[in-house]
């Protein structure tokens, strides 16, 4: 009987872990926005706000520590944060309040 080697299994999964993480992140984001748009969920709205705040704090920390990549990746990260800021701000406009307060 051959012994199980955790290192081998971990290495095999390790190559797929970043791709898996991206898909999980996209799935969670899609679910949250579905709940906001279709189900009018205030809880999902606040979860998006908290996740955006974590991302903004992370970006500020990255810039302050001088680790922001000044290439396409860094630029896309900044653009993503600006687009998210715009989307989150739209959730709290006066026009949005009736949407979230209507009966489901």
PDB file of N, CA and C in Angstrom:
ATOM      1  N   UNK A   1       0.842  -1.178   0.000  1.00  0.00           N
ATOM      2  CA  UNK A   1       0.000   0.000   0.000  1.00  0.00           C
ATOM      3  C   UNK A   1       0.889   1.244   0.000  1.00  0.00           C
ATOM      4  N   UNK A   2       0.597   2.132  -0.910  1.00  0.00           N
ATOM      5  CA  UNK A   2       1.425   3.330  -1.048  1.00  0.00           C
ATOM      6  C   UNK A   2       0.967   4.397  -0.058  1.00  0.00           C
ATOM      7  N   UNK A   3       1.905   5.041   0.576  1.00  0.00           N
ATOM      8  CA  UNK A   3       1.592   6.075   1.569  1.00  0.00           C
ATOM      9  C   UNK A   3       1.107   7.339   0.873  1.00  0.00           C
ATOM     10  N   UNK A   4       0.172   8.016   1.493  1.00  0.00           N
ATOM     11  CA  UNK A   4      -0.351   9.282   0.972  1.00  0.00           C
ATOM     12  C   UNK A   4       0.648  10.389   1.274  1.00  0.00           C
ATOM     13  N   UNK A   5       1.012  11.127   0.266  1.00  0.00           N
ATOM     14  CA  UNK A   5       1.946  12.231   0.440  1.00  0.00           C
ATOM     15  C   UNK A   5       1.180  13.544   0.301  1.00  0.00           C
ATOM     16  N   UNK A   6       1.007  14.233   1.417  1.00  0.00           N
ATOM     17  CA  UNK A   6       0.259  15.490   1.412  1.00  0.00           C
ATOM     18  C   UNK A   6       0.929  16.524   0.532  1.00  0.00           C
ATOM     19  N   UNK A   7       2.240  16.525   0.490  1.00  0.00           N
ATOM     20  CA  UNK A   7       2.961  17.499  -0.318  1.00  0.00           C
ATOM     21  C   UNK A   7       2.638  17.365  -1.795  1.00  0.00           C
ATOM     22  N   UNK A   8       2.530  16.147  -2.290  1.00  0.00           N
ATOM     23  CA  UNK A   8       2.211  15.913  -3.694  1.00  0.00           C
ATOM     24  C   UNK A   8       0.797  16.405  -4.012  1.00  0.00           C
ATOM     25  N   UNK A   9      -0.147  16.080  -3.146  1.00  0.00           N
ATOM     26  CA  UNK A   9      -1.524  16.513  -3.373  1.00  0.00           C
ATOM     27  C   UNK A   9      -1.635  18.023  -3.313  1.00  0.00           C
ATOM     28  N   UNK A  10      -0.918  18.630  -2.386  1.00  0.00           N
ATOM     29  CA  UNK A  10      -0.958  20.080  -2.240  1.00  0.00           C
ATOM     30  C   UNK A  10      -0.346  20.770  -3.453  1.00  0.00           C
ATOM     31  N   UNK A  11       0.740  20.231  -3.958  1.00  0.00           N
ATOM     32  CA  UNK A  11       1.354  20.812  -5.152  1.00  0.00           C
ATOM     33  C   UNK A  11       0.430  20.709  -6.347  1.00  0.00           C
ATOM     34  N   UNK A  12      -0.266  19.598  -6.484  1.00  0.00           N
ATOM     35  CA  UNK A  12      -1.179  19.418  -7.610  1.00  0.00           C
ATOM     36  C   UNK A  12      -2.323  20.424  -7.538  1.00  0.00           C
ATOM     37  N   UNK A  13      -2.855  20.655  -6.350  1.00  0.00           N
ATOM     38  CA  UNK A  13      -3.939  21.628  -6.197  1.00  0.00           C
ATOM     39  C   UNK A  13      -3.408  23.048  -6.228  1.00  0.00           C
ATOM     40  N   UNK A  14      -2.165  23.239  -5.807  1.00  0.00           N
ATOM     41  CA  UNK A  14      -1.579  24.566  -5.720  1.00  0.00           C
ATOM     42  C   UNK A  14      -1.583  25.312  -7.033  1.00  0.00           C
ATOM     43  N   UNK A  15      -1.403  24.622  -8.139  1.00  0.00           N
ATOM     44  CA  UNK A  15      -1.393  25.276  -9.441  1.00  0.00           C
ATOM     45  C   UNK A  15      -2.784  25.778  -9.809  1.00  0.00           C
ATOM     46  N   UNK A  16      -3.818  25.112  -9.360  1.00  0.00           N
ATOM     47  CA  UNK A  16      -5.181  25.496  -9.701  1.00  0.00           C
ATOM     48  C   UNK A  16      -5.799  26.451  -8.687  1.00  0.00           C
ATOM     49  N   UNK A  17      -5.155  26.632  -7.549  1.00  0.00           N
ATOM     50  CA  UNK A  17      -5.734  27.451  -6.484  1.00  0.00           C
ATOM     51  C   UNK A  17      -6.013  28.889  -6.902  1.00  0.00           C
ATOM     52  N   UNK A  18      -5.109  29.586  -7.587  1.00  0.00           N
ATOM     53  CA  UNK A  18      -5.432  30.961  -7.986  1.00  0.00           C
ATOM     54  C   UNK A  18      -6.624  31.037  -8.932  1.00  0.00           C
ATOM     55  N   UNK A  19      -6.705  30.111  -9.864  1.00  0.00           N
ATOM     56  CA  UNK A  19      -7.832  30.099 -10.802  1.00  0.00           C
ATOM     57  C   UNK A  19      -9.126  29.811 -10.057  1.00  0.00           C
ATOM     58  N   UNK A  20      -9.086  28.860  -9.160  1.00  0.00           N
ATOM     59  CA  UNK A  20     -10.255  28.536  -8.344  1.00  0.00           C
ATOM     60  C   UNK A  20     -10.680  29.741  -7.521  1.00  0.00           C
ATOM     61  N   UNK A  21      -9.706  30.444  -6.941  1.00  0.00           N
ATOM     62  CA  UNK A  21     -10.007  31.637  -6.144  1.00  0.00           C
ATOM     63  C   UNK A  21     -10.672  32.731  -6.959  1.00  0.00           C
ATOM     64  N   UNK A  22     -10.227  32.910  -8.185  1.00  0.00           N
ATOM     65  CA  UNK A  22     -10.839  33.922  -9.057  1.00  0.00           C
ATOM     66  C   UNK A  22     -12.289  33.556  -9.329  1.00  0.00           C
ATOM     67  N   UNK A  23     -12.545  32.288  -9.650  1.00  0.00           N
ATOM     68  CA  UNK A  23     -13.916  31.870  -9.943  1.00  0.00           C
ATOM     69  C   UNK A  23     -14.822  31.986  -8.715  1.00  0.00           C
ATOM     70  N   UNK A  24     -14.299  31.671  -7.549  1.00  0.00           N
ATOM     71  CA  UNK A  24     -15.094  31.813  -6.323  1.00  0.00           C
ATOM     72  C   UNK A  24     -15.411  33.290  -6.079  1.00  0.00           C
ATOM     73  N   UNK A  25     -14.431  34.157  -6.274  1.00  0.00           N
ATOM     74  CA  UNK A  25     -14.654  35.593  -6.106  1.00  0.00           C
ATOM     75  C   UNK A  25     -15.702  36.129  -7.067  1.00  0.00           C
ATOM     76  N   UNK A  26     -15.635  35.695  -8.320  1.00  0.00           N
ATOM     77  CA  UNK A  26     -16.625  36.123  -9.312  1.00  0.00           C
ATOM     78  C   UNK A  26     -18.004  35.607  -8.943  1.00  0.00           C
ATOM     79  N   UNK A  27     -18.078  34.364  -8.477  1.00  0.00           N
ATOM     80  CA  UNK A  27     -19.370  33.789  -8.100  1.00  0.00           C
ATOM     81  C   UNK A  27     -19.988  34.537  -6.916  1.00  0.00           C
ATOM     82  N   UNK A  28     -19.181  34.871  -5.920  1.00  0.00           N
ATOM     83  CA  UNK A  28     -19.692  35.596  -4.761  1.00  0.00           C
ATOM     84  C   UNK A  28     -20.158  36.987  -5.176  1.00  0.00           C
ATOM     85  N   UNK A  29     -19.369  37.663  -5.975  1.00  0.00           N
ATOM     86  CA  UNK A  29     -19.741  39.005  -6.440  1.00  0.00           C
ATOM     87  C   UNK A  29     -21.031  38.967  -7.251  1.00  0.00           C
ATOM     88  N   UNK A  30     -21.133  38.000  -8.147  1.00  0.00           N
ATOM     89  CA  UNK A  30     -22.343  37.869  -8.965  1.00  0.00           C
ATOM     90  C   UNK A  30     -23.560  37.589  -8.094  1.00  0.00           C
ATOM     91  N   UNK A  31     -23.404  36.726  -7.112  1.00  0.00           N
ATOM     92  CA  UNK A  31     -24.514  36.423  -6.202  1.00  0.00           C
ATOM     93  C   UNK A  31     -24.942  37.665  -5.427  1.00  0.00           C
ATOM     94  N   UNK A  32     -23.985  38.421  -4.914  1.00  0.00           N
ATOM     95  CA  UNK A  32     -24.331  39.628  -4.158  1.00  0.00           C
ATOM     96  C   UNK A  32     -25.075  40.634  -5.030  1.00  0.00           C
ATOM     97  N   UNK A  33     -24.586  40.867  -6.241  1.00  0.00           N
ATOM     98  CA  UNK A  33     -25.260  41.836  -7.109  1.00  0.00           C
ATOM     99  C   UNK A  33     -26.623  41.322  -7.559  1.00  0.00           C
ATOM    100  N   UNK A  34     -26.771  40.013  -7.740  1.00  0.00           N
ATOM    101  CA  UNK A  34     -28.086  39.449  -8.051  1.00  0.00           C
ATOM    102  C   UNK A  34     -29.051  39.721  -6.900  1.00  0.00           C
ATOM    103  N   UNK A  35     -28.594  39.481  -5.674  1.00  0.00           N
ATOM    104  CA  UNK A  35     -29.456  39.723  -4.516  1.00  0.00           C
ATOM    105  C   UNK A  35     -29.833  41.195  -4.401  1.00  0.00           C
ATOM    106  N   UNK A  36     -28.924  42.088  -4.734  1.00  0.00           N
ATOM    107  CA  UNK A  36     -29.218  43.519  -4.672  1.00  0.00           C
ATOM    108  C   UNK A  36     -30.206  43.913  -5.755  1.00  0.00           C
ATOM    109  N   UNK A  37     -29.949  43.483  -6.976  1.00  0.00           N
ATOM    110  CA  UNK A  37     -30.743  43.944  -8.123  1.00  0.00           C
ATOM    111  C   UNK A  37     -32.098  43.251  -8.197  1.00  0.00           C
ATOM    112  N   UNK A  38     -32.118  41.942  -8.018  1.00  0.00           N
ATOM    113  CA  UNK A  38     -33.359  41.199  -8.212  1.00  0.00           C
ATOM    114  C   UNK A  38     -34.159  40.996  -6.931  1.00  0.00           C
ATOM    115  N   UNK A  39     -33.472  40.834  -5.816  1.00  0.00           N
ATOM    116  CA  UNK A  39     -34.153  40.530  -4.554  1.00  0.00           C
ATOM    117  C   UNK A  39     -34.246  41.713  -3.604  1.00  0.00           C
ATOM    118  N   UNK A  40     -33.630  42.859  -4.009  1.00  0.00           N
ATOM    119  CA  UNK A  40     -33.679  44.094  -3.212  1.00  0.00           C
ATOM    120  C   UNK A  40     -33.165  43.880  -1.792  1.00  0.00           C
ATOM    121  N   UNK A  41     -32.083  43.160  -1.667  1.00  0.00           N
ATOM    122  CA  UNK A  41     -31.558  42.778  -0.360  1.00  0.00           C
ATOM    123  C   UNK A  41     -30.685  43.882   0.240  1.00  0.00           C
ATOM    124  N   UNK A  42     -31.133  44.412   1.370  1.00  0.00           N
ATOM    125  CA  UNK A  42     -30.329  45.396   2.093  1.00  0.00           C
ATOM    126  C   UNK A  42     -29.087  44.765   2.695  1.00  0.00           C
ATOM    127  N   UNK A  43     -29.196  43.516   3.111  1.00  0.00           N
ATOM    128  CA  UNK A  43     -28.036  42.827   3.686  1.00  0.00           C
ATOM    129  C   UNK A  43     -26.936  42.699   2.638  1.00  0.00           C
ATOM    130  N   UNK A  44     -27.297  42.285   1.431  1.00  0.00           N
ATOM    131  CA  UNK A  44     -26.307  42.163   0.360  1.00  0.00           C
ATOM    132  C   UNK A  44     -25.714  43.524   0.019  1.00  0.00           C
ATOM    133  N   UNK A  45     -26.531  44.552   0.085  1.00  0.00           N
ATOM    134  CA  UNK A  45     -26.038  45.908  -0.197  1.00  0.00           C
ATOM    135  C   UNK A  45     -24.944  46.280   0.798  1.00  0.00           C
ATOM    136  N   UNK A  46     -25.159  46.002   2.073  1.00  0.00           N
ATOM    137  CA  UNK A  46     -24.162  46.344   3.083  1.00  0.00           C
ATOM    138  C   UNK A  46     -22.940  45.437   3.020  1.00  0.00           C
ATOM    139  N   UNK A  47     -23.122  44.185   2.618  1.00  0.00           N
ATOM    140  CA  UNK A  47     -21.972  43.299   2.430  1.00  0.00           C
ATOM    141  C   UNK A  47     -21.078  43.839   1.317  1.00  0.00           C
ATOM    142  N   UNK A  48     -21.684  44.324   0.227  1.00  0.00           N
ATOM    143  CA  UNK A  48     -20.913  44.920  -0.866  1.00  0.00           C
ATOM    144  C   UNK A  48     -20.157  46.149  -0.370  1.00  0.00           C
ATOM    145  N   UNK A  49     -20.801  46.957   0.456  1.00  0.00           N
ATOM    146  CA  UNK A  49     -20.141  48.147   1.001  1.00  0.00           C
ATOM    147  C   UNK A  49     -18.932  47.752   1.857  1.00  0.00           C
ATOM    148  N   UNK A  50     -19.099  46.751   2.712  1.00  0.00           N
ATOM    149  CA  UNK A  50     -17.997  46.315   3.574  1.00  0.00           C
ATOM    150  C   UNK A  50     -16.854  45.743   2.743  1.00  0.00           C
ATOM    151  N   UNK A  51     -17.172  44.918   1.745  1.00  0.00           N
ATOM    152  CA  UNK A  51     -16.125  44.358   0.897  1.00  0.00           C
ATOM    153  C   UNK A  51     -15.412  45.450   0.102  1.00  0.00           C
ATOM    154  N   UNK A  52     -16.168  46.454  -0.352  1.00  0.00           N
ATOM    155  CA  UNK A  52     -15.545  47.580  -1.047  1.00  0.00           C
ATOM    156  C   UNK A  52     -14.609  48.329  -0.099  1.00  0.00           C
ATOM    157  N   UNK A  53     -15.036  48.539   1.134  1.00  0.00           N
ATOM    158  CA  UNK A  53     -14.198  49.245   2.112  1.00  0.00           C
ATOM    159  C   UNK A  53     -12.901  48.484   2.361  1.00  0.00           C
ATOM    160  N   UNK A  54     -12.989  47.153   2.484  1.00  0.00           N
ATOM    161  CA  UNK A  54     -11.771  46.352   2.651  1.00  0.00           C
ATOM    162  C   UNK A  54     -10.841  46.525   1.453  1.00  0.00           C
ATOM    163  N   UNK A  55     -11.408  46.516   0.253  1.00  0.00           N
ATOM    164  CA  UNK A  55     -10.601  46.702  -0.946  1.00  0.00           C
ATOM    165  C   UNK A  55      -9.953  48.075  -0.996  1.00  0.00           C
ATOM    166  N   UNK A  56     -10.701  49.107  -0.605  1.00  0.00           N
ATOM    167  CA  UNK A  56     -10.161  50.467  -0.601  1.00  0.00           C
ATOM    168  C   UNK A  56      -9.047  50.606   0.435  1.00  0.00           C
ATOM    169  N   UNK A  57      -9.254  50.020   1.612  1.00  0.00           N
ATOM    170  CA  UNK A  57      -8.214  50.059   2.652  1.00  0.00           C
ATOM    171  C   UNK A  57      -6.971  49.312   2.163  1.00  0.00           C
ATOM    172  N   UNK A  58      -7.180  48.193   1.505  1.00  0.00           N
ATOM    173  CA  UNK A  58      -6.054  47.439   0.959  1.00  0.00           C
ATOM    174  C   UNK A  58      -5.281  48.231  -0.081  1.00  0.00           C
ATOM    175  N   UNK A  59      -5.997  48.972  -0.912  1.00  0.00           N
ATOM    176  CA  UNK A  59      -5.326  49.785  -1.923  1.00  0.00           C
ATOM    177  C   UNK A  59      -4.539  50.921  -1.270  1.00  0.00           C
ATOM    178  N   UNK A  60      -5.132  51.574  -0.288  1.00  0.00           N
ATOM    179  CA  UNK A  60      -4.428  52.641   0.423  1.00  0.00           C
ATOM    180  C   UNK A  60      -3.175  52.076   1.085  1.00  0.00           C
ATOM    181  N   UNK A  61      -3.273  50.917   1.700  1.00  0.00           N
ATOM    182  CA  UNK A  61      -2.132  50.276   2.339  1.00  0.00           C
ATOM    183  C   UNK A  61      -1.044  49.958   1.303  1.00  0.00           C
ATOM    184  N   UNK A  62      -1.459  49.466   0.149  1.00  0.00           N
ATOM    185  CA  UNK A  62      -0.510  49.137  -0.911  1.00  0.00           C
ATOM    186  C   UNK A  62       0.213  50.378  -1.417  1.00  0.00           C
ATOM    187  N   UNK A  63      -0.534  51.456  -1.614  1.00  0.00           N
ATOM    188  CA  UNK A  63       0.074  52.707  -2.081  1.00  0.00           C
ATOM    189  C   UNK A  63       1.006  53.267  -1.006  1.00  0.00           C
ATOM    190  N   UNK A  64       0.551  53.268   0.249  1.00  0.00           N
ATOM    191  CA  UNK A  64       1.354  53.825   1.344  1.00  0.00           C
ATOM    192  C   UNK A  64       2.652  53.049   1.553  1.00  0.00           C
ATOM    193  N   UNK A  65       2.625  51.764   1.315  1.00  0.00           N
ATOM    194  CA  UNK A  65       3.831  50.955   1.501  1.00  0.00           C
ATOM    195  C   UNK A  65       4.718  50.952   0.265  1.00  0.00           C
ATOM    196  N   UNK A  66       4.272  51.596  -0.795  1.00  0.00           N
ATOM    197  CA  UNK A  66       5.075  51.688  -2.010  1.00  0.00           C
ATOM    198  C   UNK A  66       5.105  50.423  -2.834  1.00  0.00           C
ATOM    199  N   UNK A  67       4.121  49.557  -2.646  1.00  0.00           N
ATOM    200  CA  UNK A  67       4.095  48.287  -3.370  1.00  0.00           C
ATOM    201  C   UNK A  67       3.119  48.271  -4.536  1.00  0.00           C
ATOM    202  N   UNK A  68       2.537  49.408  -4.882  1.00  0.00           N
ATOM    203  CA  UNK A  68       1.604  49.445  -6.010  1.00  0.00           C
ATOM    204  C   UNK A  68       2.381  49.280  -7.304  1.00  0.00           C
ATOM    205  N   UNK A  69       2.001  48.284  -8.071  1.00  0.00           N
ATOM    206  CA  UNK A  69       2.664  48.031  -9.348  1.00  0.00           C
ATOM    207  C   UNK A  69       2.266  49.133 -10.334  1.00  0.00           C
ATOM    208  N   UNK A  70       3.254  49.752 -10.927  1.00  0.00           N
ATOM    209  CA  UNK A  70       2.987  50.826 -11.887  1.00  0.00           C
ATOM    210  C   UNK A  70       2.970  50.265 -13.300  1.00  0.00           C
ATOM    211  N   UNK A  71       2.148  49.248 -13.491  1.00  0.00           N
ATOM    212  CA  UNK A  71       1.994  48.637 -14.802  1.00  0.00           C
ATOM    213  C   UNK A  71       0.502  48.464 -15.090  1.00  0.00           C
ATOM    214  N   UNK A  72       0.180  47.657 -16.068  1.00  0.00           N
ATOM    215  CA  UNK A  72      -1.219  47.459 -16.446  1.00  0.00           C
ATOM    216  C   UNK A  72      -2.036  46.887 -15.286  1.00  0.00           C
ATOM    217  N   UNK A  73      -1.457  45.984 -14.535  1.00  0.00           N
ATOM    218  CA  UNK A  73      -2.157  45.386 -13.400  1.00  0.00           C
ATOM    219  C   UNK A  73      -2.536  46.434 -12.353  1.00  0.00           C
ATOM    220  N   UNK A  74      -1.602  47.296 -12.010  1.00  0.00           N
ATOM    221  CA  UNK A  74      -1.882  48.355 -11.041  1.00  0.00           C
ATOM    222  C   UNK A  74      -2.916  49.339 -11.545  1.00  0.00           C
ATOM    223  N   UNK A  75      -2.808  49.693 -12.817  1.00  0.00           N
ATOM    224  CA  UNK A  75      -3.778  50.609 -13.417  1.00  0.00           C
ATOM    225  C   UNK A  75      -5.179  50.003 -13.434  1.00  0.00           C
ATOM    226  N   UNK A  76      -5.282  48.734 -13.796  1.00  0.00           N
ATOM    227  CA  UNK A  76      -6.587  48.073 -13.796  1.00  0.00           C
ATOM    228  C   UNK A  76      -7.168  47.965 -12.391  1.00  0.00           C
ATOM    229  N   UNK A  77      -6.323  47.779 -11.397  1.00  0.00           N
ATOM    230  CA  UNK A  77      -6.788  47.748 -10.014  1.00  0.00           C
ATOM    231  C   UNK A  77      -7.374  49.085  -9.591  1.00  0.00           C
ATOM    232  N   UNK A  78      -6.718  50.172  -9.992  1.00  0.00           N
ATOM    233  CA  UNK A  78      -7.241  51.509  -9.684  1.00  0.00           C
ATOM    234  C   UNK A  78      -8.563  51.770 -10.398  1.00  0.00           C
ATOM    235  N   UNK A  79      -8.634  51.391 -11.669  1.00  0.00           N
ATOM    236  CA  UNK A  79      -9.876  51.581 -12.434  1.00  0.00           C
ATOM    237  C   UNK A  79     -10.998  50.752 -11.820  1.00  0.00           C
ATOM    238  N   UNK A  80     -10.687  49.505 -11.427  1.00  0.00           N
ATOM    239  CA  UNK A  80     -11.694  48.649 -10.791  1.00  0.00           C
ATOM    240  C   UNK A  80     -12.234  49.292  -9.523  1.00  0.00           C
ATOM    241  N   UNK A  81     -11.339  49.858  -8.723  1.00  0.00           N
ATOM    242  CA  UNK A  81     -11.771  50.492  -7.483  1.00  0.00           C
ATOM    243  C   UNK A  81     -12.650  51.713  -7.762  1.00  0.00           C
ATOM    244  N   UNK A  82     -12.310  52.489  -8.771  1.00  0.00           N
ATOM    245  CA  UNK A  82     -13.131  53.658  -9.120  1.00  0.00           C
ATOM    246  C   UNK A  82     -14.513  53.244  -9.612  1.00  0.00           C
ATOM    247  N   UNK A  83     -14.567  52.205 -10.427  1.00  0.00           N
ATOM    248  CA  UNK A  83     -15.869  51.722 -10.923  1.00  0.00           C
ATOM    249  C   UNK A  83     -16.697  51.169  -9.765  1.00  0.00           C
ATOM    250  N   UNK A  84     -16.055  50.443  -8.856  1.00  0.00           N
ATOM    251  CA  UNK A  84     -16.773  49.934  -7.685  1.00  0.00           C
ATOM    252  C   UNK A  84     -17.274  51.071  -6.808  1.00  0.00           C
ATOM    253  N   UNK A  85     -16.461  52.105  -6.638  1.00  0.00           N
ATOM    254  CA  UNK A  85     -16.886  53.255  -5.832  1.00  0.00           C
ATOM    255  C   UNK A  85     -18.132  53.890  -6.438  1.00  0.00           C
ATOM    256  N   UNK A  86     -18.149  54.024  -7.747  1.00  0.00           N
ATOM    257  CA  UNK A  86     -19.319  54.583  -8.430  1.00  0.00           C
ATOM    258  C   UNK A  86     -20.542  53.691  -8.222  1.00  0.00           C
ATOM    259  N   UNK A  87     -20.370  52.383  -8.370  1.00  0.00           N
ATOM    260  CA  UNK A  87     -21.494  51.453  -8.204  1.00  0.00           C
ATOM    261  C   UNK A  87     -22.027  51.461  -6.779  1.00  0.00           C
ATOM    262  N   UNK A  88     -21.136  51.474  -5.799  1.00  0.00           N
ATOM    263  CA  UNK A  88     -21.560  51.489  -4.395  1.00  0.00           C
ATOM    264  C   UNK A  88     -22.274  52.796  -4.081  1.00  0.00           C
ATOM    265  N   UNK A  89     -21.773  53.900  -4.621  1.00  0.00           N
ATOM    266  CA  UNK A  89     -22.431  55.193  -4.388  1.00  0.00           C
ATOM    267  C   UNK A  89     -23.851  55.194  -4.959  1.00  0.00           C
ATOM    268  N   UNK A  90     -24.049  54.521  -6.084  1.00  0.00           N
ATOM    269  CA  UNK A  90     -25.380  54.465  -6.687  1.00  0.00           C
ATOM    270  C   UNK A  90     -26.385  53.744  -5.789  1.00  0.00           C
ATOM    271  N   UNK A  91     -25.903  52.850  -4.953  1.00  0.00           N
ATOM    272  CA  UNK A  91     -26.794  52.101  -4.062  1.00  0.00           C
ATOM    273  C   UNK A  91     -27.418  52.988  -2.986  1.00  0.00           C
ATOM    274  N   UNK A  92     -26.857  54.168  -2.766  1.00  0.00           N
ATOM    275  CA  UNK A  92     -27.334  55.024  -1.689  1.00  0.00           C
ATOM    276  C   UNK A  92     -27.874  56.361  -2.181  1.00  0.00           C
ATOM    277  N   UNK A  93     -28.136  56.483  -3.470  1.00  0.00           N
ATOM    278  CA  UNK A  93     -28.752  57.701  -3.992  1.00  0.00           C
ATOM    279  C   UNK A  93     -30.211  57.772  -3.566  1.00  0.00           C
ATOM    280  N   UNK A  94     -30.772  58.964  -3.616  1.00  0.00           N
ATOM    281  CA  UNK A  94     -32.185  59.141  -3.256  1.00  0.00           C
ATOM    282  C   UNK A  94     -33.088  58.288  -4.148  1.00  0.00           C
ATOM    283  N   UNK A  95     -32.707  58.134  -5.407  1.00  0.00           N
ATOM    284  CA  UNK A  95     -33.519  57.332  -6.327  1.00  0.00           C
ATOM    285  C   UNK A  95     -33.491  55.844  -5.980  1.00  0.00           C
ATOM    286  N   UNK A  96     -32.478  55.409  -5.245  1.00  0.00           N
ATOM    287  CA  UNK A  96     -32.352  53.996  -4.886  1.00  0.00           C
ATOM    288  C   UNK A  96     -33.159  53.626  -3.655  1.00  0.00           C
ATOM    289  N   UNK A  97     -33.437  54.571  -2.813  1.00  0.00           N
ATOM    290  CA  UNK A  97     -34.146  54.265  -1.558  1.00  0.00           C
ATOM    291  C   UNK A  97     -35.506  53.621  -1.786  1.00  0.00           C
ATOM    292  N   UNK A  98     -36.340  54.139  -2.711  1.00  0.00           N
ATOM    293  CA  UNK A  98     -37.630  53.476  -2.926  1.00  0.00           C
ATOM    294  C   UNK A  98     -37.479  52.029  -3.401  1.00  0.00           C
ATOM    295  N   UNK A  99     -36.457  51.747  -4.176  1.00  0.00           N
ATOM    296  CA  UNK A  99     -36.232  50.393  -4.671  1.00  0.00           C
ATOM    297  C   UNK A  99     -36.031  49.408  -3.524  1.00  0.00           C
ATOM    298  N   UNK A 100     -35.248  49.796  -2.540  1.00  0.00           N
ATOM    299  CA  UNK A 100     -34.960  48.913  -1.419  1.00  0.00           C
ATOM    300  C   UNK A 100     -36.064  48.911  -0.372  1.00  0.00           C
ATOM    301  N   UNK A 101     -36.930  49.910  -0.389  1.00  0.00           N
ATOM    302  CA  UNK A 101     -37.974  49.955   0.628  1.00  0.00           C
ATOM    303  C   UNK A 101     -39.288  49.347   0.148  1.00  0.00           C
ATOM    304  N   UNK A 102     -39.407  49.041  -1.158  1.00  0.00           N
ATOM    305  CA  UNK A 102     -40.643  48.439  -1.672  1.00  0.00           C
ATOM    306  C   UNK A 102     -40.816  47.032  -1.124  1.00  0.00           C
ATOM    307  N   UNK A 103     -42.079  46.626  -1.036  1.00  0.00           N
ATOM    308  CA  UNK A 103     -42.354  45.251  -0.606  1.00  0.00           C
ATOM    309  C   UNK A 103     -41.805  44.287  -1.635  1.00  0.00           C
ATOM    310  N   UNK A 104     -41.318  43.180  -1.137  1.00  0.00           N
ATOM    311  CA  UNK A 104     -40.666  42.211  -2.030  1.00  0.00           C
ATOM    312  C   UNK A 104     -41.680  41.326  -2.667  1.00  0.00           C
TER     313      UNK A 104
END
